[in-house]
Amino acid sequence: MNTIRIDGKETPFEFEDGSLEGVRNDRANGIQRIFIMGRSVDELGRGRICRVGSVTLPLQMFTQGGKCTKDGKVYSYVRHERFL
């Protein structure tokens, strides 16, 4: 699973998987929507990974890496090259 740093803490996320038209429009406008993943915990302490929030960040962060401040939080992403 992909991870992004939110205020210095590694947090898993998923890229938005909406309609093809919506994703194309977002890319044309230079933005990327992501879902922040977290843990849902019941009264017995068991939990599961689920979507707990969403945020729209600059597309450039995910293509080149970088840092962005939004809604009082600092989001940073390091792009890792895959070696074949």
C-alpha atoms as a PDB file:
ATOM      1  CA  MET A   1       0.000   0.000   0.000  1.00  0.00           C
ATOM      2  CA  ASN A   2       1.206   3.520  -0.741  1.00  0.00           C
ATOM      3  CA  THR A   3       2.188   5.767   2.156  1.00  0.00           C
ATOM      4  CA  ILE A   4       2.295   9.522   2.600  1.00  0.00           C
ATOM      5  CA  ARG A   5       3.617  11.513   5.541  1.00  0.00           C
ATOM      6  CA  ILE A   6       1.042  13.655   7.323  1.00  0.00           C
ATOM      7  CA  ASP A   7       2.697  15.923   9.902  1.00  0.00           C
ATOM      8  CA  GLY A   8       5.692  13.564   9.835  1.00  0.00           C
ATOM      9  CA  LYS A   9       3.721  10.364  10.466  1.00  0.00           C
ATOM     10  CA  GLU A  10       3.626   7.606   7.817  1.00  0.00           C
ATOM     11  CA  THR A  11       0.006   7.069   6.795  1.00  0.00           C
ATOM     12  CA  PRO A  12      -1.331   4.616   4.189  1.00  0.00           C
ATOM     13  CA  PHE A  13      -3.474   5.973   1.358  1.00  0.00           C
ATOM     14  CA  GLU A  14      -5.247   4.920  -1.833  1.00  0.00           C
ATOM     15  CA  PHE A  15      -5.561   6.888  -5.033  1.00  0.00           C
ATOM     16  CA  GLU A  16      -9.164   7.807  -5.815  1.00  0.00           C
ATOM     17  CA  ASP A  17     -10.724   5.328  -8.195  1.00  0.00           C
ATOM     18  CA  GLY A  18     -13.698   7.369  -9.349  1.00  0.00           C
ATOM     19  CA  SER A  19     -15.032   7.752 -12.840  1.00  0.00           C
ATOM     20  CA  LEU A  20     -12.584   7.909 -15.721  1.00  0.00           C
ATOM     21  CA  GLU A  21     -13.919  11.338 -16.700  1.00  0.00           C
ATOM     22  CA  GLY A  22     -13.421  12.668 -13.160  1.00  0.00           C
ATOM     23  CA  VAL A  23      -9.847  11.374 -12.969  1.00  0.00           C
ATOM     24  CA  ARG A  24      -9.052  12.923 -16.371  1.00  0.00           C
ATOM     25  CA  ASN A  25     -10.482  16.287 -15.279  1.00  0.00           C
ATOM     26  CA  ASP A  26      -8.457  16.204 -12.064  1.00  0.00           C
ATOM     27  CA  ARG A  27      -5.262  15.404 -13.967  1.00  0.00           C
ATOM     28  CA  ALA A  28      -5.961  18.207 -16.459  1.00  0.00           C
ATOM     29  CA  ASN A  29      -6.351  20.609 -13.516  1.00  0.00           C
ATOM     30  CA  GLY A  30      -3.136  19.372 -11.884  1.00  0.00           C
ATOM     31  CA  ILE A  31      -4.666  17.720  -8.816  1.00  0.00           C
ATOM     32  CA  GLN A  32      -4.811  14.200  -7.356  1.00  0.00           C
ATOM     33  CA  ARG A  33      -7.490  13.016  -4.948  1.00  0.00           C
ATOM     34  CA  ILE A  34      -6.472  10.427  -2.369  1.00  0.00           C
ATOM     35  CA  PHE A  35      -8.235   8.508   0.410  1.00  0.00           C
ATOM     36  CA  ILE A  36      -6.490   8.453   3.794  1.00  0.00           C
ATOM     37  CA  MET A  37      -6.608   4.972   5.310  1.00  0.00           C
ATOM     38  CA  GLY A  38      -7.055   4.297   9.013  1.00  0.00           C
ATOM     39  CA  ARG A  39      -8.281   1.661  11.398  1.00  0.00           C
ATOM     40  CA  SER A  40     -11.876   1.151  12.486  1.00  0.00           C
ATOM     41  CA  VAL A  41     -11.929  -0.396  15.971  1.00  0.00           C
ATOM     42  CA  ASP A  42     -14.913  -2.071  17.651  1.00  0.00           C
ATOM     43  CA  GLU A  43     -15.603  -2.452  21.384  1.00  0.00           C
ATOM     44  CA  LEU A  44     -13.450  -5.597  21.568  1.00  0.00           C
ATOM     45  CA  GLY A  45     -10.415  -3.808  20.158  1.00  0.00           C
ATOM     46  CA  ARG A  46     -10.553  -5.574  16.802  1.00  0.00           C
ATOM     47  CA  GLY A  47     -10.294  -3.436  13.747  1.00  0.00           C
ATOM     48  CA  ARG A  48      -9.994  -3.284  10.020  1.00  0.00           C
ATOM     49  CA  ILE A  49      -8.330  -0.946   7.556  1.00  0.00           C
ATOM     50  CA  CYS A  50     -10.832   1.458   5.992  1.00  0.00           C
ATOM     51  CA  ARG A  51     -11.047   4.896   4.368  1.00  0.00           C
ATOM     52  CA  VAL A  52     -11.218   7.587   7.036  1.00  0.00           C
ATOM     53  CA  GLY A  53     -10.826  10.747   4.972  1.00  0.00           C
ATOM     54  CA  SER A  54      -9.945  12.232   1.635  1.00  0.00           C
ATOM     55  CA  VAL A  55      -7.847  15.140   0.445  1.00  0.00           C
ATOM     56  CA  THR A  56      -6.956  16.762  -2.862  1.00  0.00           C
ATOM     57  CA  LEU A  57      -3.245  17.421  -3.373  1.00  0.00           C
ATOM     58  CA  PRO A  58      -1.121  18.750  -6.262  1.00  0.00           C
ATOM     59  CA  LEU A  59      -0.424  16.118  -8.909  1.00  0.00           C
ATOM     60  CA  GLN A  60       3.229  17.208  -9.018  1.00  0.00           C
ATOM     61  CA  MET A  61       3.725  15.742  -5.514  1.00  0.00           C
ATOM     62  CA  PHE A  62       3.055  12.254  -6.818  1.00  0.00           C
ATOM     63  CA  THR A  63       5.060  12.565 -10.044  1.00  0.00           C
ATOM     64  CA  GLN A  64       8.158  14.277  -8.612  1.00  0.00           C
ATOM     65  CA  GLY A  65       7.801  14.041  -4.826  1.00  0.00           C
ATOM     66  CA  GLY A  66       7.463  17.037  -2.574  1.00  0.00           C
ATOM     67  CA  LYS A  67       5.687  18.721   0.288  1.00  0.00           C
ATOM     68  CA  CYS A  68       2.382  20.601   0.573  1.00  0.00           C
ATOM     69  CA  THR A  69       0.559  22.353   3.414  1.00  0.00           C
ATOM     70  CA  LYS A  70      -3.224  22.083   3.354  1.00  0.00           C
ATOM     71  CA  ASP A  71      -5.873  22.529   6.053  1.00  0.00           C
ATOM     72  CA  GLY A  72      -3.162  23.054   8.682  1.00  0.00           C
ATOM     73  CA  LYS A  73      -1.415  19.754   7.954  1.00  0.00           C
ATOM     74  CA  VAL A  74       1.867  19.137   6.153  1.00  0.00           C
ATOM     75  CA  TYR A  75       1.674  16.394   3.514  1.00  0.00           C
ATOM     76  CA  SER A  76       4.920  15.064   2.064  1.00  0.00           C
ATOM     77  CA  TYR A  77       5.542  12.297  -0.428  1.00  0.00           C
ATOM     78  CA  VAL A  78       8.811  10.727  -1.542  1.00  0.00           C
ATOM     79  CA  ARG A  79       8.663   9.131  -4.946  1.00  0.00           C
ATOM     80  CA  HIS A  80      10.603   5.866  -5.037  1.00  0.00           C
ATOM     81  CA  GLU A  81      12.001   4.627  -8.326  1.00  0.00           C
ATOM     82  CA  ARG A  82      11.422   0.947  -9.018  1.00  0.00           C
ATOM     83  CA  PHE A  83      14.465  -0.959 -10.120  1.00  0.00           C
ATOM     84  CA  LEU A  84      13.950  -3.826 -12.549  1.00  0.00           C
END
